[in-house]
């Protein structure tokens, strides 16, 4: 059940991260949503590795948004080079 919540939070996180991140974001809706989900997973598993969260506990909303913003910035850098 925690994976389903991570995906649902990731969907909202992707939308919020895109709205918060400054600059022109050329990623489409689906890419932004996938990056939000990946950011949520990244924040969850990084937090578990750092000892901030226990196994089965999802990352917080703000940390998930920060992870998604980081991934959006990396995506923008990669897309600009290609």
N, C-alpha and C. Protein backbone atom coordinates (compact mmCIF):
# COMPACT_ATOMS: atom_id res chain seq x y z
N UNK A 1 0.82 -1.19 0.00
CA UNK A 1 0.00 0.00 0.00
C UNK A 1 0.86 1.26 0.00
N UNK A 2 2.06 1.19 0.59
CA UNK A 2 2.92 2.38 0.64
C UNK A 2 3.41 2.77 -0.75
N UNK A 3 3.57 1.81 -1.64
CA UNK A 3 4.01 2.13 -3.00
C UNK A 3 2.91 2.89 -3.73
N UNK A 4 1.66 2.52 -3.52
CA UNK A 4 0.55 3.23 -4.15
C UNK A 4 0.50 4.67 -3.67
N UNK A 5 0.68 4.88 -2.38
CA UNK A 5 0.69 6.25 -1.85
C UNK A 5 1.87 7.03 -2.40
N UNK A 6 3.02 6.40 -2.54
CA UNK A 6 4.19 7.07 -3.10
C UNK A 6 3.91 7.51 -4.53
N UNK A 7 3.25 6.68 -5.30
CA UNK A 7 2.92 7.03 -6.69
C UNK A 7 1.92 8.18 -6.73
N UNK A 8 0.88 8.12 -5.89
CA UNK A 8 -0.12 9.19 -5.87
C UNK A 8 0.49 10.52 -5.41
N UNK A 9 1.30 10.47 -4.39
CA UNK A 9 1.98 11.69 -3.94
C UNK A 9 2.94 12.17 -5.01
N UNK A 10 3.62 11.25 -5.68
CA UNK A 10 4.54 11.61 -6.75
C UNK A 10 3.85 12.32 -7.89
N UNK A 11 2.62 11.92 -8.21
CA UNK A 11 1.86 12.58 -9.26
C UNK A 11 1.63 14.05 -8.91
N UNK A 12 1.18 14.30 -7.70
CA UNK A 12 0.94 15.68 -7.26
C UNK A 12 2.27 16.43 -7.12
N UNK A 13 3.28 15.75 -6.64
CA UNK A 13 4.59 16.36 -6.46
C UNK A 13 5.16 16.85 -7.79
N UNK A 14 5.00 16.06 -8.84
CA UNK A 14 5.49 16.46 -10.16
C UNK A 14 4.83 17.73 -10.65
N UNK A 15 3.55 17.84 -10.41
CA UNK A 15 2.84 19.04 -10.82
C UNK A 15 3.28 20.26 -10.01
N UNK A 16 3.45 20.08 -8.70
CA UNK A 16 3.90 21.18 -7.84
C UNK A 16 5.33 21.57 -8.18
N UNK A 17 6.20 20.59 -8.39
CA UNK A 17 7.61 20.88 -8.70
C UNK A 17 7.74 21.66 -9.99
N UNK A 18 6.93 21.31 -10.96
CA UNK A 18 6.98 22.03 -12.24
C UNK A 18 6.50 23.47 -12.07
N UNK A 19 5.51 23.67 -11.23
CA UNK A 19 5.00 25.02 -10.98
C UNK A 19 5.99 25.85 -10.17
N UNK A 20 6.74 25.23 -9.28
CA UNK A 20 7.66 25.94 -8.39
C UNK A 20 9.00 26.21 -9.06
N UNK A 21 9.45 25.28 -9.90
CA UNK A 21 10.77 25.40 -10.52
C UNK A 21 10.80 26.59 -11.47
N UNK A 22 11.78 27.48 -11.28
CA UNK A 22 11.86 28.64 -12.17
C UNK A 22 12.38 28.25 -13.55
N UNK A 23 12.09 29.08 -14.52
CA UNK A 23 12.59 28.86 -15.87
C UNK A 23 11.56 28.21 -16.75
N UNK A 24 11.92 28.09 -18.02
CA UNK A 24 11.05 27.49 -19.01
C UNK A 24 11.20 25.98 -18.94
N UNK A 25 10.13 25.29 -18.60
CA UNK A 25 10.16 23.84 -18.49
C UNK A 25 9.50 23.25 -19.72
N UNK A 26 10.31 22.62 -20.55
CA UNK A 26 9.79 22.08 -21.81
C UNK A 26 9.28 20.65 -21.68
N UNK A 27 9.32 20.08 -20.48
CA UNK A 27 8.84 18.72 -20.29
C UNK A 27 7.33 18.68 -20.38
N UNK A 28 6.81 17.65 -20.97
CA UNK A 28 5.37 17.50 -21.10
C UNK A 28 4.74 17.03 -19.80
N UNK A 29 3.43 16.88 -19.84
CA UNK A 29 2.67 16.49 -18.66
C UNK A 29 3.09 15.11 -18.16
N UNK A 30 3.22 14.15 -19.07
CA UNK A 30 3.56 12.78 -18.67
C UNK A 30 4.98 12.72 -18.11
N UNK A 31 5.92 13.39 -18.77
CA UNK A 31 7.31 13.39 -18.29
C UNK A 31 7.38 14.04 -16.91
N UNK A 32 6.67 15.14 -16.72
CA UNK A 32 6.66 15.81 -15.43
C UNK A 32 6.08 14.91 -14.34
N UNK A 33 5.02 14.19 -14.67
CA UNK A 33 4.42 13.27 -13.71
C UNK A 33 5.38 12.14 -13.37
N UNK A 34 6.04 11.57 -14.37
CA UNK A 34 7.01 10.50 -14.12
C UNK A 34 8.18 10.99 -13.28
N UNK A 35 8.62 12.21 -13.55
CA UNK A 35 9.72 12.78 -12.75
C UNK A 35 9.26 13.02 -11.32
N UNK A 36 8.01 13.43 -11.14
CA UNK A 36 7.46 13.60 -9.80
C UNK A 36 7.41 12.29 -9.03
N UNK A 37 6.98 11.23 -9.71
CA UNK A 37 6.95 9.91 -9.08
C UNK A 37 8.37 9.46 -8.75
N UNK A 38 9.30 9.66 -9.69
CA UNK A 38 10.70 9.29 -9.43
C UNK A 38 11.28 10.11 -8.29
N UNK A 39 10.92 11.40 -8.21
CA UNK A 39 11.39 12.24 -7.11
C UNK A 39 10.85 11.77 -5.77
N UNK A 40 9.61 11.32 -5.78
CA UNK A 40 9.02 10.79 -4.55
C UNK A 40 9.71 9.50 -4.11
N UNK A 41 9.95 8.60 -5.09
CA UNK A 41 10.69 7.38 -4.78
C UNK A 41 12.11 7.70 -4.32
N UNK A 42 12.77 8.64 -5.00
CA UNK A 42 14.13 9.03 -4.63
C UNK A 42 14.17 9.55 -3.21
N UNK A 43 13.24 10.43 -2.86
CA UNK A 43 13.20 10.98 -1.51
C UNK A 43 12.90 9.90 -0.47
N UNK A 44 12.01 8.98 -0.82
CA UNK A 44 11.66 7.90 0.11
C UNK A 44 12.86 7.00 0.39
N UNK A 45 13.51 6.51 -0.67
CA UNK A 45 14.58 5.56 -0.48
C UNK A 45 15.87 6.23 0.00
N UNK A 46 16.12 7.46 -0.39
CA UNK A 46 17.27 8.18 0.14
C UNK A 46 17.07 8.47 1.62
N UNK A 47 15.85 8.85 1.98
CA UNK A 47 15.53 9.09 3.40
C UNK A 47 15.66 7.83 4.23
N UNK A 48 15.28 6.68 3.68
CA UNK A 48 15.43 5.42 4.39
C UNK A 48 16.90 5.07 4.55
N UNK A 49 17.70 5.32 3.51
CA UNK A 49 19.14 5.03 3.59
C UNK A 49 19.84 5.94 4.59
N UNK A 50 19.36 7.17 4.72
CA UNK A 50 19.96 8.12 5.65
C UNK A 50 19.43 7.95 7.08
N UNK A 51 18.39 7.12 7.23
CA UNK A 51 17.82 6.88 8.55
C UNK A 51 16.74 7.87 8.95
N UNK A 52 16.27 8.68 8.00
CA UNK A 52 15.23 9.66 8.29
C UNK A 52 13.86 9.01 8.36
N UNK A 53 13.66 7.97 7.55
CA UNK A 53 12.38 7.27 7.49
C UNK A 53 12.63 5.80 7.75
N UNK A 54 11.61 5.12 8.27
CA UNK A 54 11.71 3.68 8.44
C UNK A 54 11.20 3.00 7.17
N UNK A 55 11.49 1.71 7.04
CA UNK A 55 11.03 0.96 5.88
C UNK A 55 9.51 0.94 5.88
N UNK A 56 8.91 1.25 4.74
CA UNK A 56 7.46 1.30 4.64
C UNK A 56 6.88 2.68 4.89
N UNK A 57 7.72 3.62 5.29
CA UNK A 57 7.27 5.00 5.54
C UNK A 57 7.66 5.85 4.34
N UNK A 58 6.70 6.54 3.76
CA UNK A 58 6.95 7.38 2.58
C UNK A 58 7.56 8.71 3.00
N UNK A 59 8.25 9.32 2.07
CA UNK A 59 8.86 10.63 2.33
C UNK A 59 7.77 11.68 2.47
N UNK A 60 8.12 12.77 3.11
CA UNK A 60 7.19 13.87 3.25
C UNK A 60 6.98 14.60 1.94
N UNK A 61 5.94 15.39 1.90
CA UNK A 61 5.57 16.08 0.67
C UNK A 61 6.65 17.07 0.24
N UNK A 62 7.16 17.85 1.16
CA UNK A 62 8.16 18.88 0.82
C UNK A 62 9.44 18.23 0.32
N UNK A 63 9.88 17.17 0.96
CA UNK A 63 11.10 16.48 0.53
C UNK A 63 10.90 15.85 -0.84
N UNK A 64 9.71 15.34 -1.09
CA UNK A 64 9.40 14.79 -2.41
C UNK A 64 9.43 15.87 -3.48
N UNK A 65 8.91 17.05 -3.17
CA UNK A 65 8.95 18.15 -4.13
C UNK A 65 10.40 18.55 -4.41
N UNK A 66 11.23 18.60 -3.38
CA UNK A 66 12.65 18.93 -3.58
C UNK A 66 13.34 17.89 -4.46
N UNK A 67 13.04 16.61 -4.24
CA UNK A 67 13.60 15.56 -5.08
C UNK A 67 13.15 15.68 -6.52
N UNK A 68 11.88 16.02 -6.73
CA UNK A 68 11.36 16.19 -8.09
C UNK A 68 11.97 17.42 -8.76
N UNK A 69 12.15 18.50 -8.02
CA UNK A 69 12.79 19.68 -8.59
C UNK A 69 14.22 19.36 -9.01
N UNK A 70 14.93 18.62 -8.18
CA UNK A 70 16.29 18.21 -8.53
C UNK A 70 16.29 17.39 -9.82
N UNK A 71 15.37 16.45 -9.94
CA UNK A 71 15.30 15.64 -11.15
C UNK A 71 14.87 16.46 -12.37
N UNK A 72 13.99 17.45 -12.18
CA UNK A 72 13.60 18.33 -13.28
C UNK A 72 14.78 19.16 -13.77
N UNK A 73 15.61 19.62 -12.85
CA UNK A 73 16.81 20.38 -13.24
C UNK A 73 17.76 19.49 -14.02
N UNK A 74 17.98 18.27 -13.54
CA UNK A 74 18.87 17.33 -14.24
C UNK A 74 18.30 17.00 -15.61
N UNK A 75 16.99 16.77 -15.70
CA UNK A 75 16.33 16.49 -16.98
C UNK A 75 16.52 17.66 -17.94
N UNK A 76 16.37 18.87 -17.45
CA UNK A 76 16.55 20.05 -18.29
C UNK A 76 17.96 20.18 -18.82
N UNK A 77 18.95 19.85 -17.96
CA UNK A 77 20.35 19.91 -18.40
C UNK A 77 20.65 18.87 -19.46
N UNK A 78 20.11 17.67 -19.27
CA UNK A 78 20.33 16.59 -20.24
C UNK A 78 19.64 16.91 -21.57
N UNK A 79 18.44 17.42 -21.49
CA UNK A 79 17.67 17.71 -22.70
C UNK A 79 18.32 18.86 -23.47
N UNK A 80 18.89 19.83 -22.78
CA UNK A 80 19.53 20.97 -23.43
C UNK A 80 20.77 20.52 -24.22
N UNK A 81 21.52 19.55 -23.69
CA UNK A 81 22.72 19.06 -24.37
C UNK A 81 22.36 18.25 -25.60
N UNK A 82 21.25 17.55 -25.56
CA UNK A 82 20.86 16.64 -26.66
C UNK A 82 20.08 17.32 -27.66
